Amino acid sequence: MRKTFQLLFALLSLQPVAGLAADIRLPAGTPLKLQLKSPLGSLHSKAGDRFYLALVEPVQLHGQVLIPAGSRAVGEVARVQRKGDFGKSGEIVVTLSHIMAGTRMIPIKGRGEAHGKQADAAEVALGIILLSGLSTGRSATIAPGTSFDAVTRDDVDLPPQSE
């Protein structure tokens, strides 16, 4: 029994290993600047499609990098409306899901949308008069390199990372 208490005391008195930093709490609502890696559009995208973004600037707290620049974030196409007759423009709405910090998946909040250009009244009227087909609006697109703002959804404890 005495040996058990000695072992327990020895384990409880162990000091943290030198060189290993303690986790730092990243608060919910921490802002993130993200950049889209590939194009999205109402012509080819469909609801449920996943897409990727990259973190533009590292997330730092107390002088420590918690999420390095270039970390991959994931979003999803929430809604797509194709362009239509009578000048109706296309629309695409996207939501942001999570960002990776090392092997940790951190939930994030953010959204974006794009609307195609609507055909003007003259284009629609000319299409109807000529009966050669109805004028349509334009597809919505979100180009690579487009910036998105997001925030962390929850408090999360993360170890410092190397940039």
Protein backbone atom coordinates (compact mmCIF):
# COMPACT_ATOMS: atom_id res chain seq x y z
CA MET A 1 0.00 0.00 0.00
CA ARG A 2 2.84 2.35 0.86
CA LYS A 3 4.43 1.72 -2.55
CA THR A 4 1.14 2.61 -4.24
CA PHE A 5 1.06 5.99 -2.45
CA GLN A 6 4.70 6.61 -3.31
CA LEU A 7 4.02 5.87 -6.99
CA LEU A 8 0.92 8.07 -6.97
CA PHE A 9 2.84 10.92 -5.31
CA ALA A 10 5.65 10.58 -7.84
CA LEU A 11 3.21 10.75 -10.77
CA LEU A 12 1.40 13.78 -9.37
CA SER A 13 4.63 15.68 -8.80
CA LEU A 14 5.92 15.24 -12.35
CA GLN A 15 6.74 18.53 -14.02
CA PRO A 16 5.72 19.26 -17.65
CA VAL A 17 8.30 18.03 -20.11
CA ALA A 18 10.58 20.88 -21.24
CA GLY A 19 9.91 22.02 -24.80
CA LEU A 20 6.23 20.99 -24.85
CA ALA A 21 4.00 24.06 -24.82
CA ALA A 22 0.61 23.97 -23.18
CA ASP A 23 -2.54 24.34 -25.28
CA ILE A 24 -3.91 27.85 -25.74
CA ARG A 25 -7.66 28.52 -25.79
CA LEU A 26 -8.76 30.09 -29.08
CA PRO A 27 -12.08 31.84 -28.34
CA ALA A 28 -15.26 31.45 -30.36
CA GLY A 29 -15.67 34.34 -32.77
CA THR A 30 -11.98 34.57 -33.67
CA PRO A 31 -11.87 36.17 -37.16
CA LEU A 32 -10.38 34.27 -40.11
CA LYS A 33 -9.48 35.63 -43.58
CA LEU A 34 -9.88 32.90 -46.20
CA GLN A 35 -9.29 32.77 -49.95
CA LEU A 36 -11.13 30.55 -52.43
CA LYS A 37 -8.87 28.09 -54.27
CA SER A 38 -11.06 27.12 -57.27
CA PRO A 39 -14.02 28.68 -59.13
CA LEU A 40 -17.64 28.18 -58.17
CA GLY A 41 -20.65 28.99 -60.32
CA SER A 42 -24.35 28.48 -60.82
CA LEU A 43 -23.72 26.81 -64.18
CA HIS A 44 -21.74 23.79 -62.90
CA SER A 45 -21.96 23.75 -59.08
CA LYS A 46 -24.74 21.97 -57.24
CA ALA A 47 -25.99 22.03 -53.65
CA GLY A 48 -23.82 19.82 -51.46
CA ASP A 49 -20.60 20.31 -53.47
CA ARG A 50 -17.57 20.86 -51.23
CA PHE A 51 -14.87 23.39 -52.04
CA TYR A 52 -11.57 24.46 -50.49
CA LEU A 53 -10.14 27.71 -49.21
CA ALA A 54 -6.81 28.71 -47.66
CA LEU A 55 -6.16 30.81 -44.56
CA VAL A 56 -4.56 34.08 -45.71
CA GLU A 57 -2.95 35.19 -42.43
CA PRO A 58 -1.91 33.03 -39.46
CA VAL A 59 -4.13 33.03 -36.38
CA GLN A 60 -2.01 34.11 -33.40
CA LEU A 61 -2.74 34.49 -29.74
CA HIS A 62 -0.27 35.51 -27.00
CA GLY A 63 2.50 35.62 -29.63
CA GLN A 64 1.92 31.98 -30.59
CA VAL A 65 0.72 30.76 -34.00
CA LEU A 66 -2.30 28.51 -33.46
CA ILE A 67 -3.39 28.12 -37.10
CA PRO A 68 -0.68 28.70 -39.74
CA ALA A 69 -1.27 30.70 -42.93
CA GLY A 70 -2.18 28.38 -45.78
CA SER A 71 -4.22 26.04 -43.56
CA ARG A 72 -7.05 24.41 -45.50
CA ALA A 73 -10.66 25.32 -44.88
CA VAL A 74 -13.73 23.61 -46.32
CA GLY A 75 -17.03 25.05 -47.47
CA GLU A 76 -20.19 23.69 -49.07
CA VAL A 77 -22.51 24.97 -51.76
CA ALA A 78 -25.81 25.56 -49.95
CA ARG A 79 -28.04 26.64 -52.83
CA VAL A 80 -27.83 27.09 -56.60
CA GLN A 81 -30.33 28.74 -58.88
CA ARG A 82 -29.63 28.39 -62.58
CA LYS A 83 -30.11 31.33 -64.93
CA GLY A 84 -33.51 31.36 -66.57
CA ASP A 85 -35.82 32.83 -69.15
CA PHE A 86 -37.09 36.40 -69.05
CA GLY A 87 -33.72 37.67 -67.87
CA LYS A 88 -33.63 35.70 -64.62
CA SER A 89 -30.04 35.63 -63.31
CA GLY A 90 -28.27 32.71 -61.67
CA GLU A 91 -27.43 32.61 -57.97
CA ILE A 92 -25.05 30.61 -55.79
CA VAL A 93 -24.96 30.60 -51.97
CA VAL A 94 -22.12 28.97 -50.01
CA THR A 95 -21.45 28.28 -46.33
CA LEU A 96 -18.14 27.67 -44.60
CA SER A 97 -17.77 24.51 -42.52
CA HIS A 98 -14.38 24.05 -40.86
CA ILE A 99 -10.66 24.76 -40.95
CA MET A 100 -7.83 22.34 -40.22
CA ALA A 101 -5.21 23.17 -37.57
CA GLY A 102 -2.75 20.34 -37.88
CA THR A 103 -4.97 17.28 -37.53
CA ARG A 104 -7.73 19.17 -35.66
CA MET A 105 -10.97 20.09 -37.44
CA ILE A 106 -12.23 23.43 -36.10
CA PRO A 107 -15.85 24.40 -36.88
CA ILE A 108 -16.23 27.86 -38.46
CA LYS A 109 -19.10 30.13 -39.51
CA GLY A 110 -19.24 32.17 -42.67
CA ARG A 111 -21.16 32.47 -45.92
CA GLY A 112 -21.04 34.07 -49.32
CA GLU A 113 -23.19 34.46 -52.38
CA ALA A 114 -23.05 35.67 -55.94
CA HIS A 115 -25.71 36.74 -58.40
CA GLY A 116 -25.42 36.80 -62.17
CA LYS A 117 -26.31 39.89 -64.16
CA GLN A 118 -29.97 40.10 -65.05
CA ALA A 119 -30.85 40.76 -68.67
CA ASP A 120 -32.19 44.28 -69.00
CA ALA A 121 -35.75 45.05 -70.10
CA ALA A 122 -34.72 45.82 -73.70
CA GLU A 123 -33.02 42.42 -74.09
CA VAL A 124 -36.06 40.62 -72.70
CA ALA A 125 -38.50 42.62 -74.87
CA LEU A 126 -36.43 42.03 -78.03
CA GLY A 127 -36.35 38.29 -77.32
CA ILE A 128 -40.13 38.21 -76.96
CA ILE A 129 -40.79 40.36 -80.06
CA LEU A 130 -38.50 38.34 -82.30
CA LEU A 131 -39.79 35.05 -80.88
CA SER A 132 -36.40 33.67 -81.62
CA GLY A 133 -35.98 32.65 -78.05
CA LEU A 134 -36.23 34.31 -74.74
CA SER A 135 -33.39 36.34 -73.33
CA THR A 136 -31.78 34.77 -70.26
CA GLY A 137 -29.86 36.25 -67.37
CA ARG A 138 -26.23 35.41 -66.66
CA SER A 139 -24.80 32.65 -64.50
CA ALA A 140 -23.38 33.59 -61.09
CA THR A 141 -19.70 32.95 -60.50
CA ILE A 142 -17.26 33.21 -57.60
CA ALA A 143 -13.69 33.46 -58.89
CA PRO A 144 -10.60 31.81 -57.38
CA GLY A 145 -8.87 34.23 -55.04
CA THR A 146 -12.15 35.65 -53.74
CA SER A 147 -11.85 36.55 -50.04
CA PHE A 148 -14.22 35.21 -47.41
CA ASP A 149 -14.52 36.30 -43.79
CA ALA A 150 -15.28 33.62 -41.21
CA VAL A 151 -15.15 33.18 -37.44
CA THR A 152 -14.49 30.18 -35.22
CA ARG A 153 -17.75 28.68 -33.99
CA ASP A 154 -16.63 27.40 -30.56
CA ASP A 155 -13.85 27.87 -28.02
CA VAL A 156 -11.09 25.38 -28.83
CA ASP A 157 -7.81 24.50 -27.11
CA LEU A 158 -4.92 24.27 -29.57
CA PRO A 159 -1.18 23.66 -29.25
CA PRO A 160 1.08 26.31 -30.75
CA GLN A 161 2.08 25.51 -34.36
CA SER A 162 5.15 26.35 -36.37
CA GLU A 163 4.55 28.67 -39.29
